[in-house]
PDB file of N, CA and C in Angstrom:
ATOM      1  N   MET A   1    -104.706   5.923 -82.846  1.00  0.00           N
ATOM      2  CA  MET A   1    -103.970   4.804 -82.322  1.00  0.00           C
ATOM      3  C   MET A   1    -104.253   3.601 -83.206  1.00  0.00           C
ATOM      4  N   ALA A   2    -103.255   2.838 -83.501  1.00  0.00           N
ATOM      5  CA  ALA A   2    -103.377   1.694 -84.392  1.00  0.00           C
ATOM      6  C   ALA A   2    -104.060   0.547 -83.655  1.00  0.00           C
ATOM      7  N   ASN A   3    -104.729  -0.238 -84.441  1.00  0.00           N
ATOM      8  CA  ASN A   3    -105.410  -1.413 -83.900  1.00  0.00           C
ATOM      9  C   ASN A   3    -104.382  -2.528 -83.753  1.00  0.00           C
ATOM     10  N   ASP A   4    -103.952  -2.792 -82.526  1.00  0.00           N
ATOM     11  CA  ASP A   4    -102.958  -3.832 -82.263  1.00  0.00           C
ATOM     12  C   ASP A   4    -103.650  -5.170 -82.029  1.00  0.00           C
ATOM     13  N   ASP A   5    -103.197  -6.169 -82.754  1.00  0.00           N
ATOM     14  CA  ASP A   5    -103.728  -7.513 -82.561  1.00  0.00           C
ATOM     15  C   ASP A   5    -102.860  -8.238 -81.542  1.00  0.00           C
ATOM     16  N   ILE A   6    -103.517  -8.775 -80.559  1.00  0.00           N
ATOM     17  CA  ILE A   6    -102.809  -9.538 -79.551  1.00  0.00           C
ATOM     18  C   ILE A   6    -103.147 -11.002 -79.789  1.00  0.00           C
ATOM     19  N   GLN A   7    -102.145 -11.805 -79.935  1.00  0.00           N
ATOM     20  CA  GLN A   7    -102.367 -13.217 -80.167  1.00  0.00           C
ATOM     21  C   GLN A   7    -101.883 -14.005 -78.955  1.00  0.00           C
ATOM     22  N   VAL A   8    -102.698 -14.900 -78.551  1.00  0.00           N
ATOM     23  CA  VAL A   8    -102.378 -15.744 -77.412  1.00  0.00           C
ATOM     24  C   VAL A   8    -102.443 -17.187 -77.888  1.00  0.00           C
ATOM     25  N   ARG A   9    -101.424 -17.922 -77.567  1.00  0.00           N
ATOM     26  CA  ARG A   9    -101.422 -19.340 -77.916  1.00  0.00           C
ATOM     27  C   ARG A   9    -101.824 -20.139 -76.676  1.00  0.00           C
ATOM     28  N   ILE A  10    -102.805 -20.952 -76.883  1.00  0.00           N
ATOM     29  CA  ILE A  10    -103.283 -21.795 -75.794  1.00  0.00           C
ATOM     30  C   ILE A  10    -103.007 -23.239 -76.183  1.00  0.00           C
ATOM     31  N   LYS A  11    -102.327 -23.918 -75.313  1.00  0.00           N
ATOM     32  CA  LYS A  11    -102.036 -25.320 -75.555  1.00  0.00           C
ATOM     33  C   LYS A  11    -103.167 -26.141 -74.937  1.00  0.00           C
ATOM     34  N   GLU A  12    -103.749 -26.967 -75.749  1.00  0.00           N
ATOM     35  CA  GLU A  12    -104.842 -27.801 -75.268  1.00  0.00           C
ATOM     36  C   GLU A  12    -104.297 -28.884 -74.343  1.00  0.00           C
ATOM     37  N   LEU A  13    -104.931 -29.016 -73.189  1.00  0.00           N
ATOM     38  CA  LEU A  13    -104.519 -30.031 -72.229  1.00  0.00           C
ATOM     39  C   LEU A  13    -105.390 -31.268 -72.409  1.00  0.00           C
ATOM     40  N   ASN A  14    -104.765 -32.390 -72.410  1.00  0.00           N
ATOM     41  CA  ASN A  14    -105.499 -33.638 -72.513  1.00  0.00           C
ATOM     42  C   ASN A  14    -105.553 -34.256 -71.121  1.00  0.00           C
ATOM     43  N   ILE A  15    -106.673 -34.031 -70.432  1.00  0.00           N
ATOM     44  CA  ILE A  15    -106.818 -34.471 -69.048  1.00  0.00           C
ATOM     45  C   ILE A  15    -108.052 -35.355 -68.931  1.00  0.00           C
ATOM     46  N   ASP A  16    -107.897 -36.487 -68.290  1.00  0.00           N
ATOM     47  CA  ASP A  16    -109.026 -37.385 -68.057  1.00  0.00           C
ATOM     48  C   ASP A  16    -109.037 -37.751 -66.572  1.00  0.00           C
ATOM     49  N   ILE A  17    -110.032 -37.246 -65.862  1.00  0.00           N
ATOM     50  CA  ILE A  17    -110.132 -37.537 -64.429  1.00  0.00           C
ATOM     51  C   ILE A  17    -111.219 -38.581 -64.153  1.00  0.00           C
ATOM     52  N   THR A  18    -111.729 -39.208 -65.205  1.00  0.00           N
ATOM     53  CA  THR A  18    -112.794 -40.193 -65.044  1.00  0.00           C
ATOM     54  C   THR A  18    -112.426 -41.305 -64.070  1.00  0.00           C
ATOM     55  N   PRO A  19    -111.233 -41.903 -64.160  1.00  0.00           N
ATOM     56  CA  PRO A  19    -110.914 -42.973 -63.195  1.00  0.00           C
ATOM     57  C   PRO A  19    -110.939 -42.497 -61.742  1.00  0.00           C
ATOM     58  N   GLN A  20    -110.434 -41.293 -61.491  1.00  0.00           N
ATOM     59  CA  GLN A  20    -110.435 -40.775 -60.120  1.00  0.00           C
ATOM     60  C   GLN A  20    -111.864 -40.518 -59.638  1.00  0.00           C
ATOM     61  N   VAL A  21    -112.700 -39.952 -60.511  1.00  0.00           N
ATOM     62  CA  VAL A  21    -114.089 -39.659 -60.138  1.00  0.00           C
ATOM     63  C   VAL A  21    -114.845 -40.963 -59.890  1.00  0.00           C
ATOM     64  N   THR A  22    -114.622 -41.958 -60.736  1.00  0.00           N
ATOM     65  CA  THR A  22    -115.287 -43.253 -60.561  1.00  0.00           C
ATOM     66  C   THR A  22    -114.912 -43.877 -59.223  1.00  0.00           C
ATOM     67  N   LYS A  23    -113.646 -43.810 -58.860  1.00  0.00           N
ATOM     68  CA  LYS A  23    -113.195 -44.357 -57.581  1.00  0.00           C
ATOM     69  C   LYS A  23    -113.847 -43.619 -56.413  1.00  0.00           C
ATOM     70  N   ILE A  24    -113.917 -42.296 -56.522  1.00  0.00           N
ATOM     71  CA  ILE A  24    -114.564 -41.491 -55.471  1.00  0.00           C
ATOM     72  C   ILE A  24    -116.034 -41.875 -55.350  1.00  0.00           C
ATOM     73  N   LEU A  25    -116.718 -42.029 -56.481  1.00  0.00           N
ATOM     74  CA  LEU A  25    -118.137 -42.385 -56.451  1.00  0.00           C
ATOM     75  C   LEU A  25    -118.363 -43.751 -55.813  1.00  0.00           C
ATOM     76  N   GLU A  26    -117.482 -44.694 -56.106  1.00  0.00           N
ATOM     77  CA  GLU A  26    -117.607 -46.013 -55.477  1.00  0.00           C
ATOM     78  C   GLU A  26    -117.450 -45.894 -53.958  1.00  0.00           C
ATOM     79  N   GLN A  27    -116.500 -45.084 -53.513  1.00  0.00           N
ATOM     80  CA  GLN A  27    -116.284 -44.879 -52.081  1.00  0.00           C
ATOM     81  C   GLN A  27    -117.489 -44.185 -51.445  1.00  0.00           C
ATOM     82  N   ILE A  28    -118.051 -43.212 -52.159  1.00  0.00           N
ATOM     83  CA  ILE A  28    -119.235 -42.497 -51.657  1.00  0.00           C
ATOM     84  C   ILE A  28    -120.409 -43.462 -51.529  1.00  0.00           C
ATOM     85  N   GLY A  29    -120.560 -44.362 -52.481  1.00  0.00           N
ATOM     86  CA  GLY A  29    -121.632 -45.350 -52.419  1.00  0.00           C
ATOM     87  C   GLY A  29    -121.519 -46.230 -51.192  1.00  0.00           C
ATOM     88  N   VAL A  30    -120.335 -46.745 -50.939  1.00  0.00           N
ATOM     89  CA  VAL A  30    -120.110 -47.607 -49.770  1.00  0.00           C
ATOM     90  C   VAL A  30    -120.343 -46.822 -48.478  1.00  0.00           C
ATOM     91  N   ALA A  31    -119.795 -45.616 -48.411  1.00  0.00           N
ATOM     92  CA  ALA A  31    -119.964 -44.784 -47.210  1.00  0.00           C
ATOM     93  C   ALA A  31    -121.425 -44.381 -47.022  1.00  0.00           C
ATOM     94  N   GLY A  32    -122.112 -44.082 -48.110  1.00  0.00           N
ATOM     95  CA  GLY A  32    -123.518 -43.689 -48.029  1.00  0.00           C
ATOM     96  C   GLY A  32    -124.393 -44.814 -47.517  1.00  0.00           C
ATOM     97  N   VAL A  33    -124.144 -46.025 -47.996  1.00  0.00           N
ATOM     98  CA  VAL A  33    -124.906 -47.184 -47.520  1.00  0.00           C
ATOM     99  C   VAL A  33    -124.668 -47.391 -46.028  1.00  0.00           C
ATOM    100  N   ALA A  34    -123.415 -47.328 -45.604  1.00  0.00           N
ATOM    101  CA  ALA A  34    -123.104 -47.491 -44.172  1.00  0.00           C
ATOM    102  C   ALA A  34    -123.790 -46.401 -43.349  1.00  0.00           C
ATOM    103  N   ASP A  35    -123.774 -45.175 -43.862  1.00  0.00           N
ATOM    104  CA  ASP A  35    -124.372 -44.036 -43.161  1.00  0.00           C
ATOM    105  C   ASP A  35    -125.885 -44.206 -43.028  1.00  0.00           C
ATOM    106  N   VAL A  36    -126.551 -44.536 -44.131  1.00  0.00           N
ATOM    107  CA  VAL A  36    -128.010 -44.648 -44.084  1.00  0.00           C
ATOM    108  C   VAL A  36    -128.436 -45.872 -43.278  1.00  0.00           C
ATOM    109  N   ARG A  37    -127.648 -46.937 -43.309  1.00  0.00           N
ATOM    110  CA  ARG A  37    -127.963 -48.101 -42.467  1.00  0.00           C
ATOM    111  C   ARG A  37    -127.852 -47.736 -40.988  1.00  0.00           C
ATOM    112  N   ALA A  38    -126.824 -46.963 -40.658  1.00  0.00           N
ATOM    113  CA  ALA A  38    -126.639 -46.553 -39.254  1.00  0.00           C
ATOM    114  C   ALA A  38    -127.773 -45.652 -38.784  1.00  0.00           C
ATOM    115  N   GLY A  39    -128.316 -44.827 -39.679  1.00  0.00           N
ATOM    116  CA  GLY A  39    -129.376 -43.906 -39.304  1.00  0.00           C
ATOM    117  C   GLY A  39    -130.774 -44.462 -39.454  1.00  0.00           C
ATOM    118  N   SER A  40    -130.894 -45.654 -40.028  1.00  0.00           N
ATOM    119  CA  SER A  40    -132.206 -46.257 -40.252  1.00  0.00           C
ATOM    120  C   SER A  40    -132.786 -46.821 -38.965  1.00  0.00           C
ATOM    121  N   PRO A  41    -134.116 -46.755 -38.836  1.00  0.00           N
ATOM    122  CA  PRO A  41    -134.758 -47.408 -37.697  1.00  0.00           C
ATOM    123  C   PRO A  41    -134.469 -48.915 -37.742  1.00  0.00           C
ATOM    124  N   LYS A  42    -134.260 -49.517 -36.589  1.00  0.00           N
ATOM    125  CA  LYS A  42    -133.865 -50.925 -36.556  1.00  0.00           C
ATOM    126  C   LYS A  42    -134.826 -51.746 -35.704  1.00  0.00           C
ATOM    127  N   ASP A  43    -136.035 -51.906 -36.189  1.00  0.00           N
ATOM    128  CA  ASP A  43    -136.984 -52.754 -35.485  1.00  0.00           C
ATOM    129  C   ASP A  43    -136.505 -54.200 -35.560  1.00  0.00           C
ATOM    130  N   LYS A  44    -136.423 -54.719 -36.779  1.00  0.00           N
ATOM    131  CA  LYS A  44    -135.903 -56.073 -36.994  1.00  0.00           C
ATOM    132  C   LYS A  44    -134.603 -56.048 -37.792  1.00  0.00           C
ATOM    133  N   GLY A  45    -134.236 -54.890 -38.299  1.00  0.00           N
ATOM    134  CA  GLY A  45    -133.010 -54.771 -39.079  1.00  0.00           C
ATOM    135  C   GLY A  45    -133.195 -55.026 -40.562  1.00  0.00           C
ATOM    136  N   THR A  46    -134.371 -55.486 -40.960  1.00  0.00           N
ATOM    137  CA  THR A  46    -134.615 -55.800 -42.368  1.00  0.00           C
ATOM    138  C   THR A  46    -134.508 -54.553 -43.232  1.00  0.00           C
ATOM    139  N   TYR A  47    -135.123 -53.481 -42.793  1.00  0.00           N
ATOM    140  CA  TYR A  47    -135.101 -52.236 -43.575  1.00  0.00           C
ATOM    141  C   TYR A  47    -133.680 -51.698 -43.683  1.00  0.00           C
ATOM    142  N   ALA A  48    -132.974 -51.619 -42.571  1.00  0.00           N
ATOM    143  CA  ALA A  48    -131.605 -51.088 -42.582  1.00  0.00           C
ATOM    144  C   ALA A  48    -130.706 -51.921 -43.486  1.00  0.00           C
ATOM    145  N   ASN A  49    -130.883 -53.227 -43.471  1.00  0.00           N
ATOM    146  CA  ASN A  49    -130.038 -54.113 -44.275  1.00  0.00           C
ATOM    147  C   ASN A  49    -130.438 -54.159 -45.744  1.00  0.00           C
ATOM    148  N   SER A  50    -131.543 -53.511 -46.102  1.00  0.00           N
ATOM    149  CA  SER A  50    -131.988 -53.540 -47.499  1.00  0.00           C
ATOM    150  C   SER A  50    -131.277 -52.494 -48.362  1.00  0.00           C
ATOM    151  N   TRP A  51    -130.479 -51.618 -47.750  1.00  0.00           N
ATOM    152  CA  TRP A  51    -129.803 -50.563 -48.502  1.00  0.00           C
ATOM    153  C   TRP A  51    -128.590 -51.110 -49.243  1.00  0.00           C
ATOM    154  N   ASP A  52    -128.390 -50.592 -50.461  1.00  0.00           N
ATOM    155  CA  ASP A  52    -127.247 -50.991 -51.272  1.00  0.00           C
ATOM    156  C   ASP A  52    -126.893 -49.832 -52.198  1.00  0.00           C
ATOM    157  N   SER A  53    -125.801 -49.957 -52.925  1.00  0.00           N
ATOM    158  CA  SER A  53    -125.414 -48.915 -53.878  1.00  0.00           C
ATOM    159  C   SER A  53    -124.909 -49.561 -55.152  1.00  0.00           C
ATOM    160  N   LYS A  54    -124.980 -48.815 -56.233  1.00  0.00           N
ATOM    161  CA  LYS A  54    -124.400 -49.275 -57.496  1.00  0.00           C
ATOM    162  C   LYS A  54    -123.960 -48.065 -58.298  1.00  0.00           C
ATOM    163  N   LEU A  55    -122.949 -48.283 -59.101  1.00  0.00           N
ATOM    164  CA  LEU A  55    -122.408 -47.237 -59.959  1.00  0.00           C
ATOM    165  C   LEU A  55    -123.141 -47.304 -61.295  1.00  0.00           C
ATOM    166  N   GLU A  56    -123.725 -46.196 -61.700  1.00  0.00           N
ATOM    167  CA  GLU A  56    -124.381 -46.118 -63.000  1.00  0.00           C
ATOM    168  C   GLU A  56    -123.553 -45.210 -63.884  1.00  0.00           C
ATOM    169  N   ASN A  57    -123.195 -45.713 -65.043  1.00  0.00           N
ATOM    170  CA  ASN A  57    -122.316 -44.984 -65.955  1.00  0.00           C
ATOM    171  C   ASN A  57    -120.989 -44.730 -65.244  1.00  0.00           C
ATOM    172  N   GLU A  58    -120.345 -43.640 -65.564  1.00  0.00           N
ATOM    173  CA  GLU A  58    -119.083 -43.303 -64.902  1.00  0.00           C
ATOM    174  C   GLU A  58    -119.238 -42.112 -63.974  1.00  0.00           C
ATOM    175  N   ASP A  59    -120.461 -41.563 -63.920  1.00  0.00           N
ATOM    176  CA  ASP A  59    -120.618 -40.310 -63.187  1.00  0.00           C
ATOM    177  C   ASP A  59    -121.788 -40.288 -62.207  1.00  0.00           C
ATOM    178  N   THR A  60    -122.359 -41.447 -61.908  1.00  0.00           N
ATOM    179  CA  THR A  60    -123.514 -41.467 -61.015  1.00  0.00           C
ATOM    180  C   THR A  60    -123.457 -42.686 -60.106  1.00  0.00           C
ATOM    181  N   VAL A  61    -123.640 -42.449 -58.823  1.00  0.00           N
ATOM    182  CA  VAL A  61    -123.793 -43.560 -57.885  1.00  0.00           C
ATOM    183  C   VAL A  61    -125.212 -43.470 -57.334  1.00  0.00           C
ATOM    184  N   VAL A  62    -125.864 -44.618 -57.239  1.00  0.00           N
ATOM    185  CA  VAL A  62    -127.233 -44.678 -56.754  1.00  0.00           C
ATOM    186  C   VAL A  62    -127.234 -45.479 -55.463  1.00  0.00           C
ATOM    187  N   ILE A  63    -127.831 -44.900 -54.432  1.00  0.00           N
ATOM    188  CA  ILE A  63    -128.004 -45.589 -53.152  1.00  0.00           C
ATOM    189  C   ILE A  63    -129.489 -45.882 -53.040  1.00  0.00           C
ATOM    190  N   PHE A  64    -129.840 -47.150 -52.861  1.00  0.00           N
ATOM    191  CA  PHE A  64    -131.236 -47.551 -52.977  1.00  0.00           C
ATOM    192  C   PHE A  64    -131.572 -48.653 -51.983  1.00  0.00           C
ATOM    193  N   THR A  65    -132.882 -48.900 -51.821  1.00  0.00           N
ATOM    194  CA  THR A  65    -133.319 -50.042 -51.028  1.00  0.00           C
ATOM    195  C   THR A  65    -133.706 -51.144 -51.989  1.00  0.00           C
ATOM    196  N   ASP A  66    -133.288 -52.343 -51.662  1.00  0.00           N
ATOM    197  CA  ASP A  66    -133.663 -53.518 -52.449  1.00  0.00           C
ATOM    198  C   ASP A  66    -135.058 -53.915 -51.987  1.00  0.00           C
ATOM    199  N   THR A  67    -136.063 -53.532 -52.764  1.00  0.00           N
ATOM    200  CA  THR A  67    -137.450 -53.731 -52.337  1.00  0.00           C
ATOM    201  C   THR A  67    -137.835 -55.203 -52.263  1.00  0.00           C
ATOM    202  N   SER A  68    -137.062 -56.088 -52.877  1.00  0.00           N
ATOM    203  CA  SER A  68    -137.379 -57.517 -52.769  1.00  0.00           C
ATOM    204  C   SER A  68    -137.178 -58.013 -51.333  1.00  0.00           C
ATOM    205  N   LYS A  69    -136.429 -57.258 -50.538  1.00  0.00           N
ATOM    206  CA  LYS A  69    -136.175 -57.636 -49.146  1.00  0.00           C
ATOM    207  C   LYS A  69    -137.204 -57.029 -48.188  1.00  0.00           C
ATOM    208  N   LEU A  70    -138.088 -56.175 -48.719  1.00  0.00           N
ATOM    209  CA  LEU A  70    -139.038 -55.464 -47.859  1.00  0.00           C
ATOM    210  C   LEU A  70    -140.472 -55.904 -48.108  1.00  0.00           C
ATOM    211  N   ARG A  71    -141.248 -55.929 -47.055  1.00  0.00           N
ATOM    212  CA  ARG A  71    -142.672 -56.235 -47.171  1.00  0.00           C
ATOM    213  C   ARG A  71    -143.421 -55.031 -47.744  1.00  0.00           C
ATOM    214  N   ASN A  72    -143.021 -53.834 -47.320  1.00  0.00           N
ATOM    215  CA  ASN A  72    -143.669 -52.598 -47.772  1.00  0.00           C
ATOM    216  C   ASN A  72    -142.665 -51.804 -48.607  1.00  0.00           C
ATOM    217  N   THR A  73    -142.928 -51.649 -49.898  1.00  0.00           N
ATOM    218  CA  THR A  73    -141.979 -50.974 -50.784  1.00  0.00           C
ATOM    219  C   THR A  73    -141.955 -49.458 -50.584  1.00  0.00           C
ATOM    220  N   ASN A  74    -142.907 -48.912 -49.849  1.00  0.00           N
ATOM    221  CA  ASN A  74    -142.937 -47.470 -49.569  1.00  0.00           C
ATOM    222  C   ASN A  74    -142.313 -47.140 -48.220  1.00  0.00           C
ATOM    223  N   MET A  75    -141.612 -48.083 -47.641  1.00  0.00           N
ATOM    224  CA  MET A  75    -141.071 -47.915 -46.299  1.00  0.00           C
ATOM    225  C   MET A  75    -140.205 -46.666 -46.161  1.00  0.00           C
ATOM    226  N   SER A  76    -139.355 -46.400 -47.135  1.00  0.00           N
ATOM    227  CA  SER A  76    -138.463 -45.232 -47.056  1.00  0.00           C
ATOM    228  C   SER A  76    -139.259 -43.944 -46.932  1.00  0.00           C
ATOM    229  N   THR A  77    -140.278 -43.798 -47.764  1.00  0.00           N
ATOM    230  CA  THR A  77    -141.103 -42.587 -47.735  1.00  0.00           C
ATOM    231  C   THR A  77    -141.856 -42.487 -46.422  1.00  0.00           C
ATOM    232  N   LEU A  78    -142.419 -43.573 -45.966  1.00  0.00           N
ATOM    233  CA  LEU A  78    -143.177 -43.566 -44.710  1.00  0.00           C
ATOM    234  C   LEU A  78    -142.293 -43.166 -43.535  1.00  0.00           C
ATOM    235  N   LEU A  79    -141.083 -43.711 -43.485  1.00  0.00           N
ATOM    236  CA  LEU A  79    -140.188 -43.400 -42.373  1.00  0.00           C
ATOM    237  C   LEU A  79    -139.624 -41.987 -42.475  1.00  0.00           C
ATOM    238  N   GLU A  80    -139.262 -41.581 -43.674  1.00  0.00           N
ATOM    239  CA  GLU A  80    -138.640 -40.264 -43.864  1.00  0.00           C
ATOM    240  C   GLU A  80    -139.637 -39.118 -43.645  1.00  0.00           C
ATOM    241  N   LYS A  81    -140.886 -39.307 -44.065  1.00  0.00           N
ATOM    242  CA  LYS A  81    -141.887 -38.231 -44.010  1.00  0.00           C
ATOM    243  C   LYS A  81    -142.889 -38.365 -42.869  1.00  0.00           C
ATOM    244  N   GLY A  82    -142.940 -39.533 -42.237  1.00  0.00           N
ATOM    245  CA  GLY A  82    -143.941 -39.768 -41.202  1.00  0.00           C
ATOM    246  C   GLY A  82    -145.203 -40.343 -41.833  1.00  0.00           C
ATOM    247  N   HIS A  83    -146.059 -40.932 -41.002  1.00  0.00           N
ATOM    248  CA  HIS A  83    -147.283 -41.532 -41.532  1.00  0.00           C
ATOM    249  C   HIS A  83    -148.273 -41.796 -40.402  1.00  0.00           C
ATOM    250  N   GLN A  84    -149.464 -42.108 -40.814  1.00  0.00           N
ATOM    251  CA  GLN A  84    -150.498 -42.444 -39.856  1.00  0.00           C
ATOM    252  C   GLN A  84    -150.421 -43.946 -39.573  1.00  0.00           C
ATOM    253  N   SER A  85    -150.500 -44.315 -38.315  1.00  0.00           N
ATOM    254  CA  SER A  85    -150.411 -45.733 -37.954  1.00  0.00           C
ATOM    255  C   SER A  85    -151.771 -46.400 -38.132  1.00  0.00           C
ATOM    256  N   ARG A  86    -151.798 -47.690 -37.940  1.00  0.00           N
ATOM    257  CA  ARG A  86    -153.047 -48.449 -38.096  1.00  0.00           C
ATOM    258  C   ARG A  86    -154.126 -48.004 -37.109  1.00  0.00           C
ATOM    259  N   ASN A  87    -153.710 -47.580 -35.903  1.00  0.00           N
ATOM    260  CA  ASN A  87    -154.701 -47.170 -34.910  1.00  0.00           C
ATOM    261  C   ASN A  87    -155.083 -45.691 -35.035  1.00  0.00           C
ATOM    262  N   GLY A  88    -154.522 -45.000 -36.042  1.00  0.00           N
ATOM    263  CA  GLY A  88    -154.919 -43.615 -36.298  1.00  0.00           C
ATOM    264  C   GLY A  88    -153.978 -42.568 -35.746  1.00  0.00           C
ATOM    265  N   SER A  89    -153.030 -42.959 -34.914  1.00  0.00           N
ATOM    266  CA  SER A  89    -152.089 -41.972 -34.383  1.00  0.00           C
ATOM    267  C   SER A  89    -151.035 -41.650 -35.439  1.00  0.00           C
ATOM    268  N   TRP A  90    -150.356 -40.533 -35.233  1.00  0.00           N
ATOM    269  CA  TRP A  90    -149.343 -40.080 -36.180  1.00  0.00           C
ATOM    270  C   TRP A  90    -147.964 -40.575 -35.752  1.00  0.00           C
ATOM    271  N   VAL A  91    -147.248 -41.193 -36.685  1.00  0.00           N
ATOM    272  CA  VAL A  91    -145.880 -41.639 -36.434  1.00  0.00           C
ATOM    273  C   VAL A  91    -144.945 -40.562 -36.966  1.00  0.00           C
ATOM    274  N   SER A  92    -144.130 -40.008 -36.094  1.00  0.00           N
ATOM    275  CA  SER A  92    -143.235 -38.911 -36.477  1.00  0.00           C
ATOM    276  C   SER A  92    -142.214 -39.367 -37.517  1.00  0.00           C
ATOM    277  N   PRO A  93    -141.797 -38.423 -38.370  1.00  0.00           N
ATOM    278  CA  PRO A  93    -140.772 -38.764 -39.356  1.00  0.00           C
ATOM    279  C   PRO A  93    -139.446 -39.108 -38.691  1.00  0.00           C
ATOM    280  N   GLN A  94    -138.723 -40.007 -39.313  1.00  0.00           N
ATOM    281  CA  GLN A  94    -137.386 -40.385 -38.851  1.00  0.00           C
ATOM    282  C   GLN A  94    -136.433 -40.155 -40.021  1.00  0.00           C
ATOM    283  N   GLU A  95    -136.041 -38.902 -40.176  1.00  0.00           N
ATOM    284  CA  GLU A  95    -135.173 -38.566 -41.309  1.00  0.00           C
ATOM    285  C   GLU A  95    -133.846 -39.304 -41.197  1.00  0.00           C
ATOM    286  N   HIS A  96    -133.501 -39.994 -42.249  1.00  0.00           N
ATOM    287  CA  HIS A  96    -132.224 -40.706 -42.305  1.00  0.00           C
ATOM    288  C   HIS A  96    -131.646 -40.678 -43.721  1.00  0.00           C
ATOM    289  N   ILE A  97    -132.476 -40.379 -44.709  1.00  0.00           N
ATOM    290  CA  ILE A  97    -132.008 -40.352 -46.102  1.00  0.00           C
ATOM    291  C   ILE A  97    -131.439 -38.980 -46.449  1.00  0.00           C
ATOM    292  N   ARG A  98    -132.191 -37.920 -46.176  1.00  0.00           N
ATOM    293  CA  ARG A  98    -131.717 -36.572 -46.500  1.00  0.00           C
ATOM    294  C   ARG A  98    -130.419 -36.216 -45.762  1.00  0.00           C
ATOM    295  N   PRO A  99    -130.306 -36.509 -44.461  1.00  0.00           N
ATOM    296  CA  PRO A  99    -129.035 -36.210 -43.792  1.00  0.00           C
ATOM    297  C   PRO A  99    -127.858 -36.965 -44.418  1.00  0.00           C
ATOM    298  N   MET A 100    -128.083 -38.232 -44.802  1.00  0.00           N
ATOM    299  CA  MET A 100    -127.026 -39.005 -45.450  1.00  0.00           C
ATOM    300  C   MET A 100    -126.660 -38.361 -46.782  1.00  0.00           C
ATOM    301  N   TYR A 101    -127.671 -37.962 -47.542  1.00  0.00           N
ATOM    302  CA  TYR A 101    -127.428 -37.325 -48.839  1.00  0.00           C
ATOM    303  C   TYR A 101    -126.572 -36.065 -48.666  1.00  0.00           C
ATOM    304  N   ASN A 102    -126.920 -35.242 -47.697  1.00  0.00           N
ATOM    305  CA  ASN A 102    -126.168 -33.997 -47.473  1.00  0.00           C
ATOM    306  C   ASN A 102    -124.724 -34.274 -47.055  1.00  0.00           C
ATOM    307  N   ARG A 103    -124.520 -35.273 -46.189  1.00  0.00           N
ATOM    308  CA  ARG A 103    -123.155 -35.627 -45.775  1.00  0.00           C
ATOM    309  C   ARG A 103    -122.349 -36.173 -46.958  1.00  0.00           C
ATOM    310  N   MET A 104    -122.956 -37.023 -47.758  1.00  0.00           N
ATOM    311  CA  MET A 104    -122.234 -37.618 -48.891  1.00  0.00           C
ATOM    312  C   MET A 104    -121.960 -36.574 -49.983  1.00  0.00           C
ATOM    313  N   LYS A 105    -122.854 -35.619 -50.134  1.00  0.00           N
ATOM    314  CA  LYS A 105    -122.632 -34.541 -51.102  1.00  0.00           C
ATOM    315  C   LYS A 105    -121.406 -33.723 -50.702  1.00  0.00           C
ATOM    316  N   ARG A 106    -121.326 -33.368 -49.417  1.00  0.00           N
ATOM    317  CA  ARG A 106    -120.156 -32.622 -48.930  1.00  0.00           C
ATOM    318  C   ARG A 106    -118.876 -33.435 -49.082  1.00  0.00           C
ATOM    319  N   LYS A 107    -118.941 -34.721 -48.757  1.00  0.00           N
ATOM    320  CA  LYS A 107    -117.774 -35.581 -48.868  1.00  0.00           C
ATOM    321  C   LYS A 107    -117.328 -35.691 -50.330  1.00  0.00           C
ATOM    322  N   TYR A 108    -118.273 -35.825 -51.239  1.00  0.00           N
ATOM    323  CA  TYR A 108    -117.964 -35.911 -52.676  1.00  0.00           C
ATOM    324  C   TYR A 108    -117.265 -34.634 -53.143  1.00  0.00           C
ATOM    325  N   GLN A 109    -117.797 -33.493 -52.757  1.00  0.00           N
ATOM    326  CA  GLN A 109    -117.194 -32.218 -53.160  1.00  0.00           C
ATOM    327  C   GLN A 109    -115.780 -32.073 -52.597  1.00  0.00           C
ATOM    328  N   GLU A 110    -115.573 -32.484 -51.362  1.00  0.00           N
ATOM    329  CA  GLU A 110    -114.233 -32.420 -50.761  1.00  0.00           C
ATOM    330  C   GLU A 110    -113.254 -33.332 -51.498  1.00  0.00           C
ATOM    331  N   GLU A 111    -113.707 -34.527 -51.828  1.00  0.00           N
ATOM    332  CA  GLU A 111    -112.840 -35.487 -52.522  1.00  0.00           C
ATOM    333  C   GLU A 111    -112.505 -35.009 -53.939  1.00  0.00           C
ATOM    334  N   LEU A 112    -113.446 -34.360 -54.609  1.00  0.00           N
ATOM    335  CA  LEU A 112    -113.174 -33.832 -55.955  1.00  0.00           C
ATOM    336  C   LEU A 112    -112.075 -32.781 -55.910  1.00  0.00           C
ATOM    337  N   LYS A 113    -112.062 -31.976 -54.854  1.00  0.00           N
ATOM    338  CA  LYS A 113    -111.042 -30.933 -54.720  1.00  0.00           C
ATOM    339  C   LYS A 113    -109.640 -31.525 -54.539  1.00  0.00           C
ATOM    340  N   ARG A 114    -109.572 -32.761 -54.066  1.00  0.00           N
ATOM    341  CA  ARG A 114    -108.280 -33.397 -53.801  1.00  0.00           C
ATOM    342  C   ARG A 114    -107.681 -34.083 -55.034  1.00  0.00           C
ATOM    343  N   ILE A 115    -108.438 -34.162 -56.107  1.00  0.00           N
ATOM    344  CA  ILE A 115    -107.906 -34.800 -57.318  1.00  0.00           C
ATOM    345  C   ILE A 115    -106.746 -33.989 -57.856  1.00  0.00           C
ATOM    346  N   LYS A 116    -105.657 -34.657 -58.087  1.00  0.00           N
ATOM    347  CA  LYS A 116    -104.491 -34.004 -58.669  1.00  0.00           C
ATOM    348  C   LYS A 116    -104.603 -34.106 -60.186  1.00  0.00           C
ATOM    349  N   ILE A 117    -104.691 -32.948 -60.827  1.00  0.00           N
ATOM    350  CA  ILE A 117    -104.839 -32.896 -62.282  1.00  0.00           C
ATOM    351  C   ILE A 117    -103.459 -32.810 -62.920  1.00  0.00           C
ATOM    352  N   GLN A 118    -103.181 -33.786 -63.763  1.00  0.00           N
ATOM    353  CA  GLN A 118    -101.906 -33.811 -64.466  1.00  0.00           C
ATOM    354  C   GLN A 118    -102.177 -34.090 -65.936  1.00  0.00           C
ATOM    355  N   PRO A 119    -101.569 -33.294 -66.827  1.00  0.00           N
ATOM    356  CA  PRO A 119    -101.764 -33.551 -68.248  1.00  0.00           C
ATOM    357  C   PRO A 119    -101.110 -34.865 -68.645  1.00  0.00           C
ATOM    358  N   LYS A 120    -101.687 -35.494 -69.655  1.00  0.00           N
ATOM    359  CA  LYS A 120    -101.132 -36.759 -70.141  1.00  0.00           C
ATOM    360  C   LYS A 120     -99.891 -36.529 -70.952  1.00  0.00           C
TER     361      LYS A 120
END
């Protein structure tokens, strides 16, 4: 049997979804801050109100606490993981960061699926 060469022509697509992804990330940042603020312990509200977000590069959103607004910069870790109180008793963890992360991850993945890809 002869060696048949099969040739396939592939047309290169010029697609840029960066603007759509950036918009989604900005929305995720805003939603994530609202989510983590809602789930944060609210003794005086200072900790909950210290959360903010910013877009880094075109592909990363960071949700963070502004430590200049907090007396204790380890507050997130103490609340999320639990800690020993001043009198020696154990303060149970109050998870609010990981659940927010998981919800925002799912939301991000859903929004990425909705991007309509069109060649330029």
